[in-house]
PDB file of N, CA and C in Angstrom:
ATOM      1  N   UNK A   1       0.678  -1.359  -0.334  1.00  0.00           N
ATOM      2  CA  UNK A   1      -0.056  -0.078  -0.127  1.00  0.00           C
ATOM      3  C   UNK A   1       1.049   1.582  -0.119  1.00  0.00           C
ATOM      4  N   UNK A   2       2.301   1.265   0.607  1.00  0.00           N
ATOM      5  CA  UNK A   2       2.864   2.511   0.954  1.00  0.00           C
ATOM      6  C   UNK A   2       3.430   2.696  -0.635  1.00  0.00           C
ATOM      7  N   UNK A   3       3.503   2.040  -1.246  1.00  0.00           N
ATOM      8  CA  UNK A   3       4.238   1.926  -2.691  1.00  0.00           C
ATOM      9  C   UNK A   3       3.314   2.859  -3.514  1.00  0.00           C
ATOM     10  N   UNK A   4       1.864   2.573  -3.221  1.00  0.00           N
ATOM     11  CA  UNK A   4       0.723   3.954  -3.897  1.00  0.00           C
ATOM     12  C   UNK A   4       0.521   5.121  -3.715  1.00  0.00           C
ATOM     13  N   UNK A   5       1.398   5.651  -2.586  1.00  0.00           N
ATOM     14  CA  UNK A   5       1.183   6.843  -1.791  1.00  0.00           C
ATOM     15  C   UNK A   5       1.127   7.862  -2.729  1.00  0.00           C
ATOM     16  N   UNK A   6       1.997   8.198  -3.734  1.00  0.00           N
ATOM     17  CA  UNK A   6       2.483   9.065  -4.548  1.00  0.00           C
ATOM     18  C   UNK A   6       1.029   9.022  -5.766  1.00  0.00           C
ATOM     19  N   UNK A   7       0.926   7.698  -5.955  1.00  0.00           N
ATOM     20  CA  UNK A   7      -0.239   8.082  -7.092  1.00  0.00           C
ATOM     21  C   UNK A   7      -1.407   8.274  -6.751  1.00  0.00           C
ATOM     22  N   UNK A   8      -1.987   7.983  -5.000  1.00  0.00           N
ATOM     23  CA  UNK A   8      -3.156   8.326  -4.657  1.00  0.00           C
ATOM     24  C   UNK A   8      -2.868   9.980  -4.329  1.00  0.00           C
ATOM     25  N   UNK A   9      -1.674  10.440  -4.266  1.00  0.00           N
ATOM     26  CA  UNK A   9      -1.754  11.583  -4.081  1.00  0.00           C
ATOM     27  C   UNK A   9      -2.142  12.605  -5.194  1.00  0.00           C
ATOM     28  N   UNK A  10      -1.428  12.199  -6.380  1.00  0.00           N
ATOM     29  CA  UNK A  10      -1.886  12.668  -7.669  1.00  0.00           C
ATOM     30  C   UNK A  10      -3.285  12.750  -8.017  1.00  0.00           C
ATOM     31  N   UNK A  11      -4.134  11.445  -7.702  1.00  0.00           N
ATOM     32  CA  UNK A  11      -5.236  11.035  -8.037  1.00  0.00           C
ATOM     33  C   UNK A  11      -6.463  12.277  -7.376  1.00  0.00           C
ATOM     34  N   UNK A  12      -5.741  12.163  -6.043  1.00  0.00           N
ATOM     35  CA  UNK A  12      -6.515  13.420  -5.303  1.00  0.00           C
ATOM     36  C   UNK A  12      -6.413  14.548  -5.237  1.00  0.00           C
ATOM     37  N   UNK A  13      -5.471  15.196  -5.822  1.00  0.00           N
ATOM     38  CA  UNK A  13      -5.213  16.431  -6.094  1.00  0.00           C
ATOM     39  C   UNK A  13      -5.905  16.995  -7.433  1.00  0.00           C
ATOM     40  N   UNK A  14      -5.800  15.922  -8.518  1.00  0.00           N
ATOM     41  CA  UNK A  14      -6.309  15.838 -10.109  1.00  0.00           C
ATOM     42  C   UNK A  14      -7.912  16.103  -9.610  1.00  0.00           C
ATOM     43  N   UNK A  15      -8.575  15.135  -8.990  1.00  0.00           N
ATOM     44  CA  UNK A  15      -9.796  15.160  -9.115  1.00  0.00           C
ATOM     45  C   UNK A  15     -10.538  16.041  -7.717  1.00  0.00           C
ATOM     46  N   UNK A  16      -9.787  16.628  -6.991  1.00  0.00           N
ATOM     47  CA  UNK A  16      -9.992  17.980  -6.170  1.00  0.00           C
ATOM     48  C   UNK A  16     -10.232  19.149  -6.961  1.00  0.00           C
ATOM     49  N   UNK A  17      -9.213  19.072  -7.713  1.00  0.00           N
ATOM     50  CA  UNK A  17      -9.424  20.417  -8.404  1.00  0.00           C
ATOM     51  C   UNK A  17     -10.038  20.609  -9.335  1.00  0.00           C
ATOM     52  N   UNK A  18     -10.560  19.390  -9.808  1.00  0.00           N
ATOM     53  CA  UNK A  18     -11.739  19.443 -11.221  1.00  0.00           C
ATOM     54  C   UNK A  18     -12.997  19.630 -10.392  1.00  0.00           C
ATOM     55  N   UNK A  19     -13.103  18.517  -9.244  1.00  0.00           N
ATOM     56  CA  UNK A  19     -14.421  18.406  -8.758  1.00  0.00           C
ATOM     57  C   UNK A  19     -14.712  19.525  -7.886  1.00  0.00           C
ATOM     58  N   UNK A  20     -13.836  20.177  -6.988  1.00  0.00           N
ATOM     59  CA  UNK A  20     -14.222  21.546  -6.543  1.00  0.00           C
ATOM     60  C   UNK A  20     -13.683  22.553  -6.778  1.00  0.00           C
ATOM     61  N   UNK A  21     -13.656  22.892  -8.360  1.00  0.00           N
ATOM     62  CA  UNK A  21     -13.285  23.924  -8.622  1.00  0.00           C
ATOM     63  C   UNK A  21     -14.841  25.011  -8.988  1.00  0.00           C
ATOM     64  N   UNK A  22     -15.884  24.528  -9.034  1.00  0.00           N
ATOM     65  CA  UNK A  22     -16.974  25.190  -9.134  1.00  0.00           C
ATOM     66  C   UNK A  22     -17.783  25.365 -10.273  1.00  0.00           C
ATOM     67  N   UNK A  23     -16.614  24.356 -11.396  1.00  0.00           N
ATOM     68  CA  UNK A  23     -17.464  24.199 -12.805  1.00  0.00           C
ATOM     69  C   UNK A  23     -18.413  23.440 -12.661  1.00  0.00           C
ATOM     70  N   UNK A  24     -19.353  23.465 -13.606  1.00  0.00           N
ATOM     71  CA  UNK A  24     -20.818  22.737 -13.590  1.00  0.00           C
ATOM     72  C   UNK A  24     -20.367  21.699 -14.929  1.00  0.00           C
ATOM     73  N   UNK A  25     -20.368  20.414 -14.663  1.00  0.00           N
ATOM     74  CA  UNK A  25     -19.766  19.608 -16.042  1.00  0.00           C
ATOM     75  C   UNK A  25     -20.743  18.180 -15.535  1.00  0.00           C
ATOM     76  N   UNK A  26     -21.006  17.644 -16.548  1.00  0.00           N
ATOM     77  CA  UNK A  26     -21.707  15.922 -15.984  1.00  0.00           C
ATOM     78  C   UNK A  26     -20.842  15.259 -14.873  1.00  0.00           C
ATOM     79  N   UNK A  27     -19.737  15.159 -14.994  1.00  0.00           N
ATOM     80  CA  UNK A  27     -19.028  14.278 -13.896  1.00  0.00           C
ATOM     81  C   UNK A  27     -18.252  14.857 -12.750  1.00  0.00           C
ATOM     82  N   UNK A  28     -18.980  16.205 -12.398  1.00  0.00           N
ATOM     83  CA  UNK A  28     -18.591  16.774 -11.263  1.00  0.00           C
ATOM     84  C   UNK A  28     -18.744  16.103 -10.039  1.00  0.00           C
ATOM     85  N   UNK A  29     -19.826  15.588  -9.958  1.00  0.00           N
ATOM     86  CA  UNK A  29     -20.247  14.808  -8.292  1.00  0.00           C
ATOM     87  C   UNK A  29     -19.339  13.319  -8.561  1.00  0.00           C
ATOM     88  N   UNK A  30     -19.265  12.724  -9.737  1.00  0.00           N
ATOM     89  CA  UNK A  30     -18.313  11.678  -9.489  1.00  0.00           C
ATOM     90  C   UNK A  30     -16.825  12.050  -9.063  1.00  0.00           C
ATOM     91  N   UNK A  31     -16.219  13.177  -9.628  1.00  0.00           N
ATOM     92  CA  UNK A  31     -15.135  13.216  -9.212  1.00  0.00           C
ATOM     93  C   UNK A  31     -14.877  13.637  -7.709  1.00  0.00           C
ATOM     94  N   UNK A  32     -16.059  14.237  -7.403  1.00  0.00           N
ATOM     95  CA  UNK A  32     -16.015  14.328  -6.007  1.00  0.00           C
ATOM     96  C   UNK A  32     -15.757  13.341  -5.090  1.00  0.00           C
ATOM     97  N   UNK A  33     -16.597  12.258  -5.323  1.00  0.00           N
ATOM     98  CA  UNK A  33     -16.408  10.892  -4.777  1.00  0.00           C
ATOM     99  C   UNK A  33     -15.026  10.080  -4.947  1.00  0.00           C
ATOM    100  N   UNK A  34     -14.288  10.479  -6.199  1.00  0.00           N
ATOM    101  CA  UNK A  34     -13.265   9.699  -6.677  1.00  0.00           C
ATOM    102  C   UNK A  34     -12.075  10.769  -5.358  1.00  0.00           C
ATOM    103  N   UNK A  35     -12.342  11.794  -5.292  1.00  0.00           N
ATOM    104  CA  UNK A  35     -11.594  12.452  -4.521  1.00  0.00           C
ATOM    105  C   UNK A  35     -11.451  12.260  -2.935  1.00  0.00           C
ATOM    106  N   UNK A  36     -12.791  11.998  -2.797  1.00  0.00           N
ATOM    107  CA  UNK A  36     -13.051  11.468  -1.309  1.00  0.00           C
ATOM    108  C   UNK A  36     -12.298  10.203  -1.095  1.00  0.00           C
ATOM    109  N   UNK A  37     -12.400   9.257  -2.224  1.00  0.00           N
ATOM    110  CA  UNK A  37     -12.062   8.019  -1.631  1.00  0.00           C
ATOM    111  C   UNK A  37     -10.560   7.962  -1.841  1.00  0.00           C
ATOM    112  N   UNK A  38      -9.922   8.613  -3.173  1.00  0.00           N
ATOM    113  CA  UNK A  38      -8.345   8.903  -3.249  1.00  0.00           C
ATOM    114  C   UNK A  38      -7.854   9.391  -1.666  1.00  0.00           C
ATOM    115  N   UNK A  39      -8.487  10.555  -1.043  1.00  0.00           N
ATOM    116  CA  UNK A  39      -7.969  11.000  -0.135  1.00  0.00           C
ATOM    117  C   UNK A  39      -7.799   9.893   1.518  1.00  0.00           C
ATOM    118  N   UNK A  40      -9.180   9.278   1.421  1.00  0.00           N
ATOM    119  CA  UNK A  40      -9.039   8.295   2.416  1.00  0.00           C
ATOM    120  C   UNK A  40      -7.554   7.056   2.039  1.00  0.00           C
ATOM    121  N   UNK A  41      -7.539   6.621   0.891  1.00  0.00           N
ATOM    122  CA  UNK A  41      -6.539   5.874   0.260  1.00  0.00           C
ATOM    123  C   UNK A  41      -5.465   6.525   0.839  1.00  0.00           C
ATOM    124  N   UNK A  42      -5.065   7.715   0.356  1.00  0.00           N
ATOM    125  CA  UNK A  42      -4.043   8.531   0.777  1.00  0.00           C
ATOM    126  C   UNK A  42      -3.408   8.623   2.195  1.00  0.00           C
ATOM    127  N   UNK A  43      -4.279   8.845   2.924  1.00  0.00           N
ATOM    128  CA  UNK A  43      -4.509   9.047   4.595  1.00  0.00           C
ATOM    129  C   UNK A  43      -3.950   7.163   5.257  1.00  0.00           C
ATOM    130  N   UNK A  44      -4.385   6.453   4.388  1.00  0.00           N
ATOM    131  CA  UNK A  44      -4.303   4.950   4.789  1.00  0.00           C
ATOM    132  C   UNK A  44      -3.176   4.553   4.415  1.00  0.00           C
ATOM    133  N   UNK A  45      -2.426   4.954   3.320  1.00  0.00           N
ATOM    134  CA  UNK A  45      -1.126   4.674   3.014  1.00  0.00           C
ATOM    135  C   UNK A  45      -0.058   5.282   3.436  1.00  0.00           C
ATOM    136  N   UNK A  46      -0.256   6.681   3.757  1.00  0.00           N
ATOM    137  CA  UNK A  46       0.432   7.355   4.920  1.00  0.00           C
ATOM    138  C   UNK A  46       0.967   6.917   6.150  1.00  0.00           C
ATOM    139  N   UNK A  47      -0.341   6.213   6.927  1.00  0.00           N
ATOM    140  CA  UNK A  47      -0.196   5.922   8.219  1.00  0.00           C
ATOM    141  C   UNK A  47       0.438   4.280   7.667  1.00  0.00           C
ATOM    142  N   UNK A  48       0.292   3.628   6.938  1.00  0.00           N
ATOM    143  CA  UNK A  48       0.738   2.480   6.785  1.00  0.00           C
ATOM    144  C   UNK A  48       2.294   2.765   6.679  1.00  0.00           C
ATOM    145  N   UNK A  49       2.703   3.409   5.892  1.00  0.00           N
ATOM    146  CA  UNK A  49       4.237   3.621   6.094  1.00  0.00           C
ATOM    147  C   UNK A  49       5.043   3.930   7.163  1.00  0.00           C
ATOM    148  N   UNK A  50       4.594   4.932   7.725  1.00  0.00           N
ATOM    149  CA  UNK A  50       4.731   5.469   9.330  1.00  0.00           C
ATOM    150  C   UNK A  50       4.847   3.843  10.310  1.00  0.00           C
ATOM    151  N   UNK A  51       3.762   3.122   9.990  1.00  0.00           N
ATOM    152  CA  UNK A  51       3.688   1.817  11.065  1.00  0.00           C
ATOM    153  C   UNK A  51       4.925   1.012  10.680  1.00  0.00           C
ATOM    154  N   UNK A  52       5.091   1.112   9.370  1.00  0.00           N
ATOM    155  CA  UNK A  52       6.070  -0.136   8.962  1.00  0.00           C
ATOM    156  C   UNK A  52       7.430   0.641   8.969  1.00  0.00           C
ATOM    157  N   UNK A  53       7.478   2.008   9.215  1.00  0.00           N
ATOM    158  CA  UNK A  53       9.063   2.543   9.581  1.00  0.00           C
ATOM    159  C   UNK A  53       9.235   2.405  10.889  1.00  0.00           C
ATOM    160  N   UNK A  54       8.070   2.739  11.954  1.00  0.00           N
ATOM    161  CA  UNK A  54       8.071   2.704  13.234  1.00  0.00           C
ATOM    162  C   UNK A  54       8.866   1.034  13.680  1.00  0.00           C
ATOM    163  N   UNK A  55       7.701  -0.347  13.101  1.00  0.00           N
ATOM    164  CA  UNK A  55       8.316  -1.358  13.157  1.00  0.00           C
ATOM    165  C   UNK A  55       9.538  -1.896  12.817  1.00  0.00           C
ATOM    166  N   UNK A  56      10.063  -1.149  11.604  1.00  0.00           N
ATOM    167  CA  UNK A  56      11.569  -1.436  11.236  1.00  0.00           C
ATOM    168  C   UNK A  56      12.301  -1.193  12.100  1.00  0.00           C
ATOM    169  N   UNK A  57      12.074   0.124  12.658  1.00  0.00           N
ATOM    170  CA  UNK A  57      13.347   0.777  13.821  1.00  0.00           C
ATOM    171  C   UNK A  57      13.384  -0.020  14.777  1.00  0.00           C
ATOM    172  N   UNK A  58      12.074  -0.304  15.393  1.00  0.00           N
ATOM    173  CA  UNK A  58      11.944  -1.131  16.656  1.00  0.00           C
ATOM    174  C   UNK A  58      12.652  -2.492  16.237  1.00  0.00           C
ATOM    175  N   UNK A  59      12.601  -3.193  15.289  1.00  0.00           N
ATOM    176  CA  UNK A  59      13.537  -4.428  14.946  1.00  0.00           C
ATOM    177  C   UNK A  59      14.688  -4.385  15.012  1.00  0.00           C
ATOM    178  N   UNK A  60      15.160  -3.354  14.394  1.00  0.00           N
ATOM    179  CA  UNK A  60      16.594  -2.825  14.037  1.00  0.00           C
ATOM    180  C   UNK A  60      17.352  -2.693  16.025  1.00  0.00           C
ATOM    181  N   UNK A  61      16.656  -1.798  16.663  1.00  0.00           N
ATOM    182  CA  UNK A  61      17.164  -1.512  17.953  1.00  0.00           C
ATOM    183  C   UNK A  61      17.433  -2.733  18.923  1.00  0.00           C
ATOM    184  N   UNK A  62      16.136  -3.656  18.443  1.00  0.00           N
ATOM    185  CA  UNK A  62      16.156  -5.060  19.349  1.00  0.00           C
ATOM    186  C   UNK A  62      17.487  -5.826  19.004  1.00  0.00           C
ATOM    187  N   UNK A  63      17.738  -5.852  17.581  1.00  0.00           N
ATOM    188  CA  UNK A  63      18.478  -6.600  17.005  1.00  0.00           C
ATOM    189  C   UNK A  63      20.122  -6.224  17.213  1.00  0.00           C
ATOM    190  N   UNK A  64      20.259  -5.147  17.539  1.00  0.00           N
ATOM    191  CA  UNK A  64      21.421  -4.302  17.487  1.00  0.00           C
ATOM    192  C   UNK A  64      21.801  -4.422  19.093  1.00  0.00           C
ATOM    193  N   UNK A  65      20.569  -4.186  20.264  1.00  0.00           N
ATOM    194  CA  UNK A  65      20.978  -4.399  21.382  1.00  0.00           C
ATOM    195  C   UNK A  65      21.465  -5.872  22.280  1.00  0.00           C
ATOM    196  N   UNK A  66      20.599  -6.959  20.995  1.00  0.00           N
ATOM    197  CA  UNK A  66      20.929  -8.627  21.159  1.00  0.00           C
ATOM    198  C   UNK A  66      22.472  -8.785  20.866  1.00  0.00           C
ATOM    199  N   UNK A  67      23.140  -7.946  19.994  1.00  0.00           N
ATOM    200  CA  UNK A  67      24.470  -8.238  19.684  1.00  0.00           C
ATOM    201  C   UNK A  67      25.389  -7.658  20.395  1.00  0.00           C
TER     202      UNK A  67
END
């Protein structure tokens, strides 16, 4: 999931700009929903990467203490 963080960021920004710009076109409500889901996926992806980094730090610390 953390490998897709940049992709979710791009999708969120583009769909947010197009969906919430105030322009009226047939797909604006769809883009707002896409922006919402991409934003949630972006937050989950960022949290996942933080958890993995902290877990790896903890493993490295415990292995260095055991040596």
